[in-house]
Amino acid sequence: MLNELLGGTIVESGSNANGSYIKFSNGTMICYNKLNLTNITFAESGNLYACDYTTAIPFPIQFIDTPIVTINTQSSADYYFCWVYATRCNKTSINQITLMRTVQRSNVSVPIGYIAIGRWKA
């Protein structure tokens, strides 16, 4: 079913230390991973607390152009976020993630997951 939605068949899939990927015959590629961002400290930003995480998160395989990236995180008493999004990406990595929340915390780990969709061939 996913093959039909994406307009092609899976031609390759794999994983490495940087996550997993799926390549489709029509040139679409999906990369995804779950990881923990560490040593996060939130600073006051208006009525919220914000952090710009700037340690590069490499994709498991390179895209031919910058992909569309979505990021999520769990919400709980310790991890309630208003916004989590990739603010700087390129074809090899996510280079900055902005996290905003309603409570200040220092030196915490934040579990995230991402999905990147782009092209592996023209």
Protein backbone atom coordinates (compact mmCIF):
# COMPACT_ATOMS: atom_id res chain seq x y z
CA MET A 1 0.00 0.00 0.00
CA LEU A 2 2.80 2.47 0.86
CA ASN A 3 4.40 1.65 -2.48
CA GLU A 4 1.23 2.69 -4.30
CA LEU A 5 0.90 5.92 -2.31
CA LEU A 6 4.49 6.90 -3.08
CA GLY A 7 4.23 5.87 -6.73
CA GLY A 8 6.98 3.27 -6.75
CA THR A 9 8.36 0.06 -5.37
CA ILE A 10 10.99 -0.21 -2.67
CA VAL A 11 14.39 -0.60 -4.33
CA GLU A 12 16.55 -0.46 -1.21
CA SER A 13 16.22 -0.15 2.53
CA GLY A 14 18.70 -0.27 5.35
CA SER A 15 19.93 1.15 8.59
CA ASN A 16 23.13 2.23 10.29
CA ALA A 17 24.16 4.10 13.43
CA ASN A 18 22.38 7.24 12.09
CA GLY A 19 18.94 5.65 11.56
CA SER A 20 16.98 3.86 8.86
CA TYR A 21 16.07 4.64 5.24
CA ILE A 22 13.81 3.44 2.43
CA LYS A 23 14.45 4.25 -1.25
CA PHE A 24 11.58 4.05 -3.76
CA SER A 25 11.88 3.51 -7.52
CA ASN A 26 10.36 6.92 -8.32
CA GLY A 27 13.25 8.68 -6.48
CA THR A 28 11.48 9.31 -3.16
CA MET A 29 13.46 8.49 -0.02
CA ILE A 30 12.39 8.38 3.63
CA CYS A 31 14.87 8.52 6.50
CA TYR A 32 13.89 8.17 10.15
CA ASN A 33 15.37 7.71 13.60
CA LYS A 34 14.73 7.97 17.34
CA LEU A 35 17.38 9.44 19.63
CA ASN A 36 17.98 11.48 22.77
CA LEU A 37 19.17 15.09 22.66
CA THR A 38 21.43 15.57 25.69
CA ASN A 39 22.47 18.46 27.94
CA ILE A 40 19.48 20.59 26.95
CA THR A 41 18.94 23.83 28.88
CA PHE A 42 15.89 25.99 28.25
CA ALA A 43 16.16 29.77 28.54
CA GLU A 44 13.31 32.23 28.97
CA SER A 45 11.81 33.42 25.69
CA GLY A 46 8.78 35.60 26.30
CA ASN A 47 6.13 33.49 28.04
CA LEU A 48 7.90 30.24 27.09
CA TYR A 49 11.30 28.59 27.48
CA ALA A 50 13.33 27.78 24.40
CA CYS A 51 16.43 25.87 23.34
CA ASP A 52 18.19 25.77 19.98
CA TYR A 53 19.94 22.40 19.77
CA THR A 54 22.80 22.88 17.30
CA THR A 55 24.66 19.57 17.32
CA ALA A 56 24.29 18.08 13.82
CA ILE A 57 22.14 14.96 13.53
CA PRO A 58 23.26 13.08 10.41
CA PHE A 59 20.79 11.26 8.20
CA PRO A 60 21.54 7.56 7.62
CA ILE A 61 22.05 8.28 3.92
CA GLN A 62 22.40 11.50 1.91
CA PHE A 63 19.54 13.11 -0.03
CA ILE A 64 20.21 14.90 -3.35
CA ASP A 65 18.58 18.06 -1.96
CA THR A 66 17.27 19.32 1.39
CA PRO A 67 14.37 17.07 2.52
CA ILE A 68 11.20 17.97 4.40
CA VAL A 69 11.71 17.09 8.07
CA THR A 70 9.21 16.57 10.85
CA ILE A 71 10.24 16.04 14.48
CA ASN A 72 8.25 14.83 17.44
CA THR A 73 8.87 14.17 21.10
CA GLN A 74 6.94 12.54 23.89
CA SER A 75 4.82 14.69 26.18
CA SER A 76 4.75 13.98 29.89
CA ALA A 77 5.20 15.90 33.12
CA ASP A 78 8.94 16.16 32.37
CA TYR A 79 8.61 16.63 28.61
CA TYR A 80 5.75 18.91 27.65
CA PHE A 81 6.56 20.83 24.50
CA CYS A 82 4.62 23.49 22.68
CA TRP A 83 6.82 23.29 19.57
CA VAL A 84 9.62 21.08 18.33
CA TYR A 85 10.86 21.69 14.81
CA ALA A 86 13.91 21.54 12.55
CA THR A 87 15.07 25.08 11.87
CA ARG A 88 18.13 24.26 9.76
CA CYS A 89 18.61 21.17 7.56
CA ASN A 90 20.62 20.23 4.51
CA LYS A 91 20.93 17.10 2.38
CA THR A 92 23.14 15.31 4.94
CA SER A 93 21.80 16.33 8.36
CA ILE A 94 19.50 18.26 10.67
CA ASN A 95 21.72 21.09 11.92
CA GLN A 96 19.42 22.86 14.36
CA ILE A 97 16.31 21.90 16.28
CA THR A 98 14.26 24.47 18.16
CA LEU A 99 12.37 23.25 21.23
CA MET A 100 9.89 25.39 23.15
CA ARG A 101 8.11 24.49 26.36
CA THR A 102 6.17 26.00 29.23
CA VAL A 103 8.54 24.96 32.04
CA GLN A 104 12.23 25.77 32.50
CA ARG A 105 14.65 22.82 32.78
CA SER A 106 18.46 22.54 32.72
CA ASN A 107 20.81 19.80 31.55
CA VAL A 108 18.09 17.35 30.57
CA SER A 109 17.83 14.69 27.87
CA VAL A 110 14.96 14.99 25.40
CA PRO A 111 13.82 11.92 23.42
CA ILE A 112 12.91 12.78 19.82
CA GLY A 113 11.98 11.03 16.62
CA TYR A 114 12.27 12.43 13.11
CA ILE A 115 11.09 11.58 9.62
CA ALA A 116 12.77 13.16 6.60
CA ILE A 117 11.23 12.83 3.11
CA GLY A 118 13.08 13.87 -0.01
CA ARG A 119 14.79 12.54 -3.12
CA TRP A 120 17.65 10.10 -3.61
CA LYS A 121 17.60 10.53 -7.40
CA ALA A 122 16.21 13.13 -9.78
